[in-house]
Structures are given as C-alpha cells and as structure tokens.
C-alpha atoms as a PDB file:
ATOM      1  CA  MET A   1      -5.660   2.977 -15.179  1.00  0.00           C
ATOM      2  CA  ASN A   2      -5.007   0.332 -12.428  1.00  0.00           C
ATOM      3  CA  GLU A   3      -7.947  -1.454 -11.172  1.00  0.00           C
ATOM      4  CA  TYR A   4      -7.889  -2.142  -7.682  1.00  0.00           C
ATOM      5  CA  SER A   5     -10.014  -5.360  -6.202  1.00  0.00           C
ATOM      6  CA  GLU A   6     -12.452  -4.730  -3.517  1.00  0.00           C
ATOM      7  CA  GLU A   7     -10.634  -6.277  -0.707  1.00  0.00           C
ATOM      8  CA  CYS A   8      -7.615  -3.979  -1.396  1.00  0.00           C
ATOM      9  CA  ILE A   9     -10.101  -0.928  -2.011  1.00  0.00           C
ATOM     10  CA  LEU A  10     -11.156  -1.973   1.859  1.00  0.00           C
ATOM     11  CA  THR A  11      -8.189  -2.551   3.078  1.00  0.00           C
ATOM     12  CA  PHE A  12      -6.767   0.537   1.986  1.00  0.00           C
ATOM     13  CA  LEU A  13     -10.508   2.266   3.446  1.00  0.00           C
ATOM     14  CA  ARG A  14     -10.055   0.668   6.816  1.00  0.00           C
ATOM     15  CA  ASN A  15      -6.261   0.859   7.597  1.00  0.00           C
ATOM     16  CA  GLN A  16      -5.962   4.391   5.837  1.00  0.00           C
ATOM     17  CA  GLU A  17      -5.042   6.172   9.187  1.00  0.00           C
ATOM     18  CA  GLN A  18      -1.866   4.042   9.336  1.00  0.00           C
ATOM     19  CA  LEU A  19      -0.340   6.164   6.684  1.00  0.00           C
ATOM     20  CA  PHE A  20      -2.568   9.535   6.496  1.00  0.00           C
ATOM     21  CA  THR A  21      -3.314  11.740  10.133  1.00  0.00           C
ATOM     22  CA  GLU A  22      -6.363  12.278   8.724  1.00  0.00           C
ATOM     23  CA  PRO A  23      -8.744  10.262   6.063  1.00  0.00           C
ATOM     24  CA  VAL A  24      -8.484  10.814   2.122  1.00  0.00           C
ATOM     25  CA  ALA A  25     -11.490   8.431   1.373  1.00  0.00           C
ATOM     26  CA  GLU A  26     -14.955   8.228   2.919  1.00  0.00           C
ATOM     27  CA  THR A  27     -16.263   5.428   0.305  1.00  0.00           C
ATOM     28  CA  GLU A  28     -15.130   2.884  -1.797  1.00  0.00           C
ATOM     29  CA  GLU A  29     -15.311   5.053  -5.106  1.00  0.00           C
ATOM     30  CA  GLU A  30     -13.105   8.135  -2.933  1.00  0.00           C
ATOM     31  CA  ALA A  31     -10.534   5.160  -1.931  1.00  0.00           C
ATOM     32  CA  GLU A  32     -10.644   3.606  -5.371  1.00  0.00           C
ATOM     33  CA  ALA A  33     -10.049   7.129  -7.086  1.00  0.00           C
ATOM     34  CA  PHE A  34      -7.516   8.021  -4.758  1.00  0.00           C
ATOM     35  CA  LEU A  35      -5.223   4.733  -5.029  1.00  0.00           C
ATOM     36  CA  GLU A  36      -5.654   5.303  -9.131  1.00  0.00           C
ATOM     37  CA  ASP A  37      -4.246   9.125  -8.138  1.00  0.00           C
ATOM     38  CA  CYS A  38      -1.396   8.149  -6.258  1.00  0.00           C
ATOM     39  CA  MET A  39      -0.609   5.379  -8.668  1.00  0.00           C
ATOM     40  CA  ALA A  40      -1.132   2.402  -5.649  1.00  0.00           C
ATOM     41  CA  VAL A  41       0.927  -0.761  -6.744  1.00  0.00           C
ATOM     42  CA  VAL A  42      -0.251  -4.286  -5.260  1.00  0.00           C
ATOM     43  CA  VAL A  43       2.737  -6.802  -5.489  1.00  0.00           C
ATOM     44  CA  ASP A  44       2.579 -10.679  -4.317  1.00  0.00           C
ATOM     45  CA  SER A  45       5.722 -10.482  -1.591  1.00  0.00           C
ATOM     46  CA  LEU A  46       7.401  -8.652   0.936  1.00  0.00           C
ATOM     47  CA  LYS A  47      10.648  -9.629  -1.430  1.00  0.00           C
ATOM     48  CA  GLU A  48       8.658  -7.391  -3.655  1.00  0.00           C
ATOM     49  CA  VAL A  49       7.679  -4.726  -1.817  1.00  0.00           C
ATOM     50  CA  ARG A  50      11.634  -4.148  -0.991  1.00  0.00           C
ATOM     51  CA  GLU A  51      12.205  -4.497  -4.654  1.00  0.00           C
ATOM     52  CA  TYR A  52      10.055  -1.549  -4.978  1.00  0.00           C
ATOM     53  CA  PHE A  53      11.539   0.565  -2.937  1.00  0.00           C
ATOM     54  CA  GLU A  54      14.837  -0.282  -3.532  1.00  0.00           C
ATOM     55  CA  GLU A  55      13.863   0.609  -7.126  1.00  0.00           C
ATOM     56  CA  ASN A  56      11.901   4.134  -6.053  1.00  0.00           C
ATOM     57  CA  GLY A  57      15.443   5.584  -3.939  1.00  0.00           C
ATOM     58  CA  MET A  58      14.455   3.808  -1.021  1.00  0.00           C
ATOM     59  CA  ASP A  59      17.566   2.921   1.711  1.00  0.00           C
ATOM     60  CA  VAL A  60      15.651  -0.188   2.680  1.00  0.00           C
ATOM     61  CA  GLU A  61      18.521  -2.716   2.613  1.00  0.00           C
ATOM     62  CA  ASP A  62      19.386  -2.956   6.766  1.00  0.00           C
ATOM     63  CA  MET A  63      15.094  -3.301   7.322  1.00  0.00           C
ATOM     64  CA  SER A  64      13.943  -6.520   8.151  1.00  0.00           C
ATOM     65  CA  MET A  65      11.231  -8.499   6.355  1.00  0.00           C
ATOM     66  CA  GLU A  66       8.995  -7.456   9.719  1.00  0.00           C
ATOM     67  CA  GLU A  67      10.199  -4.059   9.112  1.00  0.00           C
ATOM     68  CA  LEU A  68       9.020  -3.845   5.816  1.00  0.00           C
ATOM     69  CA  GLU A  69       6.369  -5.048   6.574  1.00  0.00           C
ATOM     70  CA  ASP A  70       5.176  -2.576   9.106  1.00  0.00           C
ATOM     71  CA  ALA A  71       6.050   0.155   7.114  1.00  0.00           C
ATOM     72  CA  SER A  72       3.462   3.188   6.676  1.00  0.00           C
ATOM     73  CA  GLU A  73       2.882   2.702   3.151  1.00  0.00           C
ATOM     74  CA  VAL A  74       2.649  -0.882   3.169  1.00  0.00           C
ATOM     75  CA  PHE A  75      -0.681  -2.645   3.457  1.00  0.00           C
ATOM     76  CA  PRO A  76      -1.058  -6.564   4.238  1.00  0.00           C
ATOM     77  CA  LEU A  77      -3.744  -7.841   1.756  1.00  0.00           C
ATOM     78  CA  PRO A  78      -6.300 -10.765   3.282  1.00  0.00           C
ATOM     79  CA  ASN A  79      -5.026 -12.970   0.215  1.00  0.00           C
ATOM     80  CA  GLY A  80      -1.135 -12.636   1.157  1.00  0.00           C
ATOM     81  CA  GLN A  81      -0.398  -9.765  -1.188  1.00  0.00           C
ATOM     82  CA  TYR A  82       0.725  -5.868  -0.680  1.00  0.00           C
ATOM     83  CA  LEU A  83      -0.693  -2.761  -1.390  1.00  0.00           C
ATOM     84  CA  ILE A  84       1.761  -0.129  -1.784  1.00  0.00           C
ATOM     85  CA  VAL A  85       0.677   3.167  -1.229  1.00  0.00           C
ATOM     86  CA  GLU A  86       2.839   6.742  -1.312  1.00  0.00           C
ATOM     87  CA  GLY A  87       0.997   9.494   0.226  1.00  0.00           C
END
C-alpha cells in the first residue's frame, strides 16, 4: 500500500478536474483511497515522468518537457515532485 503525503493528496483534490470531468473525491480520505486504487505514483523529475510513460507504453518521444508537465495525468507538486494519476 502506497502512502501519499498530505501535499500530494491536497494537490490532487484541488486539481482533479484537469483529469476528470466530475470530481472523483470530495475529502482527503476519498482522495487518498482513489490514489491508492489507481496506483498513482510520485516521481522526482520530468525525466522520471517521461520514463514512467515510456515504461507504460505511451509514445512521448516527441513531447517537450513542458508538454509532459501539462499532461492531464501529471500533477506538479509544490515540493518539485510530480504525481502521476492514470484515470
């Protein structure tokens, strides 16, 4: 079971509309449970975001780092890390 930081949970809760048309969580507990259910990952850099997508079969070769950061599945965290949530 993954443990997500409060910063991670709150960032997802505030910004979930970038990935979903309707909220999937309304409380911190629901957000944490959702992140666990979809096995969201936290990585340390955009390079690791690219590697994650490549390892999971996404064609990101022609995407710039800015485009990667703007992907709907990528949630930049205030501490410089990135939360990746696959809907």
